Amino acid sequence: TGTMTELLADCGYDMIGVDNSADMLEIALEK
């Protein structure tokens, strides 16, 4: 759901997130 992806972006990294679950990614996109 992108929780760690968001936090790593806060650390200054340019983030890409990959996941096989459309349902999880839907929540990640909302975040």
All heavy atoms as atom14 arrays in JSON, in Angstrom:
{
  "sequence": "TGTMTELLADCGYDMIGVDNSADMLEIALEK",
  "atom14_mask": [
    [1, 1, 1, 1, 1, 1, 1, 0, 0, 0, 0, 0, 0, 0],
    [1, 1, 1, 1, 0, 0, 0, 0, 0, 0, 0, 0, 0, 0],
    [1, 1, 1, 1, 1, 1, 1, 0, 0, 0, 0, 0, 0, 0],
    [1, 1, 1, 1, 1, 1, 1, 1, 0, 0, 0, 0, 0, 0],
    [1, 1, 1, 1, 1, 1, 1, 0, 0, 0, 0, 0, 0, 0],
    [1, 1, 1, 1, 1, 1, 1, 1, 1, 0, 0, 0, 0, 0],
    [1, 1, 1, 1, 1, 1, 1, 1, 0, 0, 0, 0, 0, 0],
    [1, 1, 1, 1, 1, 1, 1, 1, 0, 0, 0, 0, 0, 0],
    [1, 1, 1, 1, 1, 0, 0, 0, 0, 0, 0, 0, 0, 0],
    [1, 1, 1, 1, 1, 1, 1, 1, 0, 0, 0, 0, 0, 0],
    [1, 1, 1, 1, 1, 1, 0, 0, 0, 0, 0, 0, 0, 0],
    [1, 1, 1, 1, 0, 0, 0, 0, 0, 0, 0, 0, 0, 0],
    [1, 1, 1, 1, 1, 1, 1, 1, 1, 1, 1, 1, 0, 0],
    [1, 1, 1, 1, 1, 1, 1, 1, 0, 0, 0, 0, 0, 0],
    [1, 1, 1, 1, 1, 1, 1, 1, 0, 0, 0, 0, 0, 0],
    [1, 1, 1, 1, 1, 1, 1, 1, 0, 0, 0, 0, 0, 0],
    [1, 1, 1, 1, 0, 0, 0, 0, 0, 0, 0, 0, 0, 0],
    [1, 1, 1, 1, 1, 1, 1, 0, 0, 0, 0, 0, 0, 0],
    [1, 1, 1, 1, 1, 1, 1, 1, 0, 0, 0, 0, 0, 0],
    [1, 1, 1, 1, 1, 1, 1, 1, 0, 0, 0, 0, 0, 0],
    [1, 1, 1, 1, 1, 1, 0, 0, 0, 0, 0, 0, 0, 0],
    [1, 1, 1, 1, 1, 0, 0, 0, 0, 0, 0, 0, 0, 0],
    [1, 1, 1, 1, 1, 1, 1, 1, 0, 0, 0, 0, 0, 0],
    [1, 1, 1, 1, 1, 1, 1, 1, 0, 0, 0, 0, 0, 0],
    [1, 1, 1, 1, 1, 1, 1, 1, 0, 0, 0, 0, 0, 0],
    [1, 1, 1, 1, 1, 1, 1, 1, 1, 0, 0, 0, 0, 0],
    [1, 1, 1, 1, 1, 1, 1, 1, 0, 0, 0, 0, 0, 0],
    [1, 1, 1, 1, 1, 0, 0, 0, 0, 0, 0, 0, 0, 0],
    [1, 1, 1, 1, 1, 1, 1, 1, 0, 0, 0, 0, 0, 0],
    [1, 1, 1, 1, 1, 1, 1, 1, 1, 0, 0, 0, 0, 0],
    [1, 1, 1, 1, 1, 1, 1, 1, 1, 0, 0, 0, 0, 0]
  ],
  "atom14_positions": [
    [[0.81, -1.22, 0.0], [0.0, 0.0, 0.0], [0.85, 1.27, 0.0], [0.31, 2.36, 0.17], [-0.95, 0.02, 1.21], [-0.18, 0.05, 2.43], [-1.87, -1.18, 1.22], [0.0, 0.0, 0.0], [0.0, 0.0, 0.0], [0.0, 0.0, 0.0], [0.0, 0.0, 0.0], [0.0, 0.0, 0.0], [0.0, 0.0, 0.0], [0.0, 0.0, 0.0]],
    [[2.15, 1.14, -0.16], [3.0, 2.3, -0.37], [3.48, 3.03, 0.87], [4.09, 4.1, 0.76], [0.0, 0.0, 0.0], [0.0, 0.0, 0.0], [0.0, 0.0, 0.0], [0.0, 0.0, 0.0], [0.0, 0.0, 0.0], [0.0, 0.0, 0.0], [0.0, 0.0, 0.0], [0.0, 0.0, 0.0], [0.0, 0.0, 0.0], [0.0, 0.0, 0.0]],
    [[3.26, 2.45, 2.05], [3.68, 3.15, 3.27], [5.19, 3.38, 3.3], [5.66, 4.5, 3.52], [3.25, 2.36, 4.52], [1.83, 2.24, 4.54], [3.7, 3.07, 5.79], [0.0, 0.0, 0.0], [0.0, 0.0, 0.0], [0.0, 0.0, 0.0], [0.0, 0.0, 0.0], [0.0, 0.0, 0.0], [0.0, 0.0, 0.0], [0.0, 0.0, 0.0]],
    [[5.98, 2.31, 3.07], [7.43, 2.45, 3.08], [7.91, 3.28, 1.89], [8.86, 4.06, 2.01], [8.1, 1.08, 3.07], [9.61, 1.13, 3.22], [10.15, 1.81, 4.81], [9.78, 0.42, 5.89], [0.0, 0.0, 0.0], [0.0, 0.0, 0.0], [0.0, 0.0, 0.0], [0.0, 0.0, 0.0], [0.0, 0.0, 0.0], [0.0, 0.0, 0.0]],
    [[7.25, 3.14, 0.75], [7.63, 3.92, -0.43], [7.53, 5.4, -0.15], [8.42, 6.18, -0.51], [6.71, 3.55, -1.62], [6.35, 2.17, -1.57], [7.4, 3.83, -2.93], [0.0, 0.0, 0.0], [0.0, 0.0, 0.0], [0.0, 0.0, 0.0], [0.0, 0.0, 0.0], [0.0, 0.0, 0.0], [0.0, 0.0, 0.0], [0.0, 0.0, 0.0]],
    [[6.44, 5.8, 0.5], [6.24, 7.21, 0.85], [7.32, 7.68, 1.82], [7.86, 8.79, 1.67], [4.85, 7.39, 1.49], [3.69, 7.2, 0.54], [3.21, 8.52, -0.05], [3.51, 9.58, 0.53], [2.54, 8.49, -1.09], [0.0, 0.0, 0.0], [0.0, 0.0, 0.0], [0.0, 0.0, 0.0], [0.0, 0.0, 0.0], [0.0, 0.0, 0.0]],
    [[7.65, 6.86, 2.81], [8.65, 7.25, 3.8], [10.03, 7.38, 3.17], [10.8, 8.29, 3.51], [8.67, 6.24, 4.94], [7.45, 6.25, 5.86], [7.49, 5.05, 6.8], [7.39, 7.55, 6.67], [0.0, 0.0, 0.0], [0.0, 0.0, 0.0], [0.0, 0.0, 0.0], [0.0, 0.0, 0.0], [0.0, 0.0, 0.0], [0.0, 0.0, 0.0]],
    [[10.37, 6.48, 2.26], [11.66, 6.57, 1.58], [11.72, 7.8, 0.68], [12.79, 8.41, 0.53], [11.92, 5.29, 0.76], [12.27, 4.06, 1.6], [12.25, 2.81, 0.73], [13.65, 4.2, 2.25], [0.0, 0.0, 0.0], [0.0, 0.0, 0.0], [0.0, 0.0, 0.0], [0.0, 0.0, 0.0], [0.0, 0.0, 0.0], [0.0, 0.0, 0.0]],
    [[10.59, 8.17, 0.1], [10.54, 9.42, -0.67], [10.83, 10.61, 0.23], [11.5, 11.57, -0.17], [9.18, 9.56, -1.35], [0.0, 0.0, 0.0], [0.0, 0.0, 0.0], [0.0, 0.0, 0.0], [0.0, 0.0, 0.0], [0.0, 0.0, 0.0], [0.0, 0.0, 0.0], [0.0, 0.0, 0.0], [0.0, 0.0, 0.0], [0.0, 0.0, 0.0]],
    [[10.35, 10.55, 1.47], [10.64, 11.62, 2.44], [12.13, 11.7, 2.75], [12.63, 12.76, 3.15], [9.87, 11.37, 3.75], [8.38, 11.65, 3.61], [8.0, 12.42, 2.71], [7.61, 11.09, 4.41], [0.0, 0.0, 0.0], [0.0, 0.0, 0.0], [0.0, 0.0, 0.0], [0.0, 0.0, 0.0], [0.0, 0.0, 0.0], [0.0, 0.0, 0.0]],
    [[12.85, 10.58, 2.59], [14.29, 10.56, 2.85], [15.09, 11.14, 1.68], [16.32, 11.24, 1.76], [14.76, 9.13, 3.11], [14.13, 8.39, 4.64], [0.0, 0.0, 0.0], [0.0, 0.0, 0.0], [0.0, 0.0, 0.0], [0.0, 0.0, 0.0], [0.0, 0.0, 0.0], [0.0, 0.0, 0.0], [0.0, 0.0, 0.0], [0.0, 0.0, 0.0]],
    [[14.4, 11.52, 0.6], [15.08, 12.14, -0.52], [15.3, 11.26, -1.72], [15.94, 11.69, -2.7], [0.0, 0.0, 0.0], [0.0, 0.0, 0.0], [0.0, 0.0, 0.0], [0.0, 0.0, 0.0], [0.0, 0.0, 0.0], [0.0, 0.0, 0.0], [0.0, 0.0, 0.0], [0.0, 0.0, 0.0], [0.0, 0.0, 0.0], [0.0, 0.0, 0.0]],
    [[14.79, 10.02, -1.68], [14.95, 9.13, -2.83], [13.83, 9.35, -3.84], [12.7, 9.69, -3.48], [14.95, 7.67, -2.37], [16.07, 7.33, -1.42], [15.83, 7.04, -0.09], [17.39, 7.29, -1.86], [16.85, 6.73, 0.8], [18.43, 6.98, -1.0], [18.16, 6.7, 0.33], [19.18, 6.4, 1.19], [0.0, 0.0, 0.0], [0.0, 0.0, 0.0]],
    [[14.15, 9.16, -5.11], [13.15, 9.16, -6.18], [12.61, 7.73, -6.29], [13.34, 6.83, -6.71], [13.76, 9.61, -7.5], [14.32, 11.02, -7.43], [13.65, 11.88, -6.84], [15.43, 11.24, -7.95], [0.0, 0.0, 0.0], [0.0, 0.0, 0.0], [0.0, 0.0, 0.0], [0.0, 0.0, 0.0], [0.0, 0.0, 0.0], [0.0, 0.0, 0.0]],
    [[11.36, 7.54, -5.91], [10.86, 6.19, -5.68], [10.03, 5.63, -6.84], [9.24, 6.32, -7.48], [10.01, 6.16, -4.41], [10.78, 6.43, -3.13], [12.17, 5.29, -2.87], [11.3, 3.7, -2.83], [0.0, 0.0, 0.0], [0.0, 0.0, 0.0], [0.0, 0.0, 0.0], [0.0, 0.0, 0.0], [0.0, 0.0, 0.0], [0.0, 0.0, 0.0]],
    [[10.23, 4.32, -7.05], [9.38, 3.49, -7.89], [8.88, 2.35, -7.01], [9.65, 1.77, -6.26], [10.14, 2.9, -9.09], [10.75, 4.0, -9.96], [9.22, 2.01, -9.93], [11.68, 3.48, -11.04], [0.0, 0.0, 0.0], [0.0, 0.0, 0.0], [0.0, 0.0, 0.0], [0.0, 0.0, 0.0], [0.0, 0.0, 0.0], [0.0, 0.0, 0.0]],
    [[7.6, 2.05, -7.1], [7.04, 0.93, -6.34], [6.46, -0.11, -7.27], [5.72, 0.23, -8.2], [0.0, 0.0, 0.0], [0.0, 0.0, 0.0], [0.0, 0.0, 0.0], [0.0, 0.0, 0.0], [0.0, 0.0, 0.0], [0.0, 0.0, 0.0], [0.0, 0.0, 0.0], [0.0, 0.0, 0.0], [0.0, 0.0, 0.0], [0.0, 0.0, 0.0]],
    [[6.8, -1.36, -7.03], [6.28, -2.48, -7.83], [5.53, -3.44, -6.92], [6.04, -3.83, -5.86], [7.42, -3.22, -8.56], [6.94, -4.58, -9.08], [7.96, -2.39, -9.72], [0.0, 0.0, 0.0], [0.0, 0.0, 0.0], [0.0, 0.0, 0.0], [0.0, 0.0, 0.0], [0.0, 0.0, 0.0], [0.0, 0.0, 0.0], [0.0, 0.0, 0.0]],
    [[4.33, -3.81, -7.32], [3.57, -4.81, -6.58], [2.65, -5.53, -7.56], [2.23, -4.96, -8.58], [2.74, -4.17, -5.46], [2.38, -5.16, -4.36], [1.39, -5.91, -4.55], [3.1, -5.23, -3.35], [0.0, 0.0, 0.0], [0.0, 0.0, 0.0], [0.0, 0.0, 0.0], [0.0, 0.0, 0.0], [0.0, 0.0, 0.0], [0.0, 0.0, 0.0]],
    [[2.33, -6.78, -7.24], [1.48, -7.6, -8.12], [0.0, -7.42, -7.83], [-0.84, -7.89, -8.61], [1.86, -9.08, -7.98], [1.4, -9.9, -9.16], [1.38, -9.42, -10.3], [1.03, -11.15, -8.92], [0.0, 0.0, 0.0], [0.0, 0.0, 0.0], [0.0, 0.0, 0.0], [0.0, 0.0, 0.0], [0.0, 0.0, 0.0], [0.0, 0.0, 0.0]],
    [[-0.34, -6.77, -6.73], [-1.74, -6.64, -6.31], [-2.31, -5.29, -6.73], [-1.88, -4.24, -6.25], [-1.86, -6.8, -4.79], [-3.16, -6.42, -4.36], [0.0, 0.0, 0.0], [0.0, 0.0, 0.0], [0.0, 0.0, 0.0], [0.0, 0.0, 0.0], [0.0, 0.0, 0.0], [0.0, 0.0, 0.0], [0.0, 0.0, 0.0], [0.0, 0.0, 0.0]],
    [[-3.28, -5.32, -7.62], [-3.94, -4.09, -8.05], [-4.65, -3.42, -6.88], [-4.7, -2.19, -6.79], [-4.93, -4.39, -9.17], [0.0, 0.0, 0.0], [0.0, 0.0, 0.0], [0.0, 0.0, 0.0], [0.0, 0.0, 0.0], [0.0, 0.0, 0.0], [0.0, 0.0, 0.0], [0.0, 0.0, 0.0], [0.0, 0.0, 0.0], [0.0, 0.0, 0.0]],
    [[-5.19, -4.23, -5.97], [-5.92, -3.68, -4.82], [-4.99, -2.93, -3.87], [-5.35, -1.87, -3.36], [-6.63, -4.81, -4.07], [-7.65, -5.52, -4.95], [-7.26, -6.43, -5.69], [-8.82, -5.15, -4.91], [0.0, 0.0, 0.0], [0.0, 0.0, 0.0], [0.0, 0.0, 0.0], [0.0, 0.0, 0.0], [0.0, 0.0, 0.0], [0.0, 0.0, 0.0]],
    [[-3.8, -3.48, -3.65], [-2.83, -2.79, -2.8], [-2.35, -1.51, -3.47], [-2.23, -0.46, -2.82], [-1.64, -3.71, -2.5], [-2.0, -5.0, -1.78], [-2.42, -4.76, -0.04], [-0.83, -5.01, 0.72], [0.0, 0.0, 0.0], [0.0, 0.0, 0.0], [0.0, 0.0, 0.0], [0.0, 0.0, 0.0], [0.0, 0.0, 0.0], [0.0, 0.0, 0.0]],
    [[-2.1, -1.56, -4.76], [-1.62, -0.39, -5.47], [-2.67, 0.71, -5.54], [-2.34, 1.9, -5.57], [-1.17, -0.78, -6.88], [0.14, -1.57, -6.95], [0.43, -1.97, -8.39], [1.31, -0.77, -6.38], [0.0, 0.0, 0.0], [0.0, 0.0, 0.0], [0.0, 0.0, 0.0], [0.0, 0.0, 0.0], [0.0, 0.0, 0.0], [0.0, 0.0, 0.0]],
    [[-3.93, 0.32, -5.56], [-4.99, 1.32, -5.56], [-4.91, 2.19, -4.3], [-5.07, 3.41, -4.35], [-6.35, 0.63, -5.64], [-7.53, 1.6, -5.7], [-8.87, 0.89, -5.81], [-8.88, -0.33, -6.04], [-9.91, 1.56, -5.66], [0.0, 0.0, 0.0], [0.0, 0.0, 0.0], [0.0, 0.0, 0.0], [0.0, 0.0, 0.0], [0.0, 0.0, 0.0]],
    [[-4.62, 1.54, -3.17], [-4.47, 2.29, -1.92], [-3.19, 3.12, -1.94], [-3.16, 4.26, -1.47], [-4.49, 1.31, -0.73], [-5.84, 0.61, -0.67], [-4.2, 2.04, 0.58], [-5.9, -0.55, 0.28], [0.0, 0.0, 0.0], [0.0, 0.0, 0.0], [0.0, 0.0, 0.0], [0.0, 0.0, 0.0], [0.0, 0.0, 0.0], [0.0, 0.0, 0.0]],
    [[-2.12, 2.55, -2.51], [-0.87, 3.3, -2.64], [-1.07, 4.57, -3.46], [-0.54, 5.64, -3.13], [0.21, 2.43, -3.26], [0.0, 0.0, 0.0], [0.0, 0.0, 0.0], [0.0, 0.0, 0.0], [0.0, 0.0, 0.0], [0.0, 0.0, 0.0], [0.0, 0.0, 0.0], [0.0, 0.0, 0.0], [0.0, 0.0, 0.0], [0.0, 0.0, 0.0]],
    [[-1.85, 4.47, -4.52], [-2.11, 5.63, -5.37], [-2.94, 6.68, -4.64], [-2.77, 7.89, -4.86], [-2.81, 5.19, -6.66], [-1.92, 4.43, -7.66], [-2.76, 3.82, -8.77], [-0.86, 5.35, -8.24], [0.0, 0.0, 0.0], [0.0, 0.0, 0.0], [0.0, 0.0, 0.0], [0.0, 0.0, 0.0], [0.0, 0.0, 0.0], [0.0, 0.0, 0.0]],
    [[-3.84, 6.23, -3.76], [-4.62, 7.18, -2.95], [-3.68, 7.96, -2.01], [-3.83, 9.17, -1.83], [-5.68, 6.43, -2.14], [-6.81, 5.85, -2.99], [-7.75, 4.98, -2.18], [-7.54, 4.85, -0.95], [-8.7, 4.42, -2.77], [0.0, 0.0, 0.0], [0.0, 0.0, 0.0], [0.0, 0.0, 0.0], [0.0, 0.0, 0.0], [0.0, 0.0, 0.0]],
    [[-2.7, 7.25, -1.42], [-1.73, 7.92, -0.56], [-0.88, 8.92, -1.35], [-0.58, 10.02, -0.88], [-0.83, 6.89, 0.12], [-1.54, 5.99, 1.11], [-0.58, 4.98, 1.69], [-1.29, 4.04, 2.66], [-0.39, 3.0, 3.21], [0.0, 0.0, 0.0], [0.0, 0.0, 0.0], [0.0, 0.0, 0.0], [0.0, 0.0, 0.0], [0.0, 0.0, 0.0]]
  ]
}
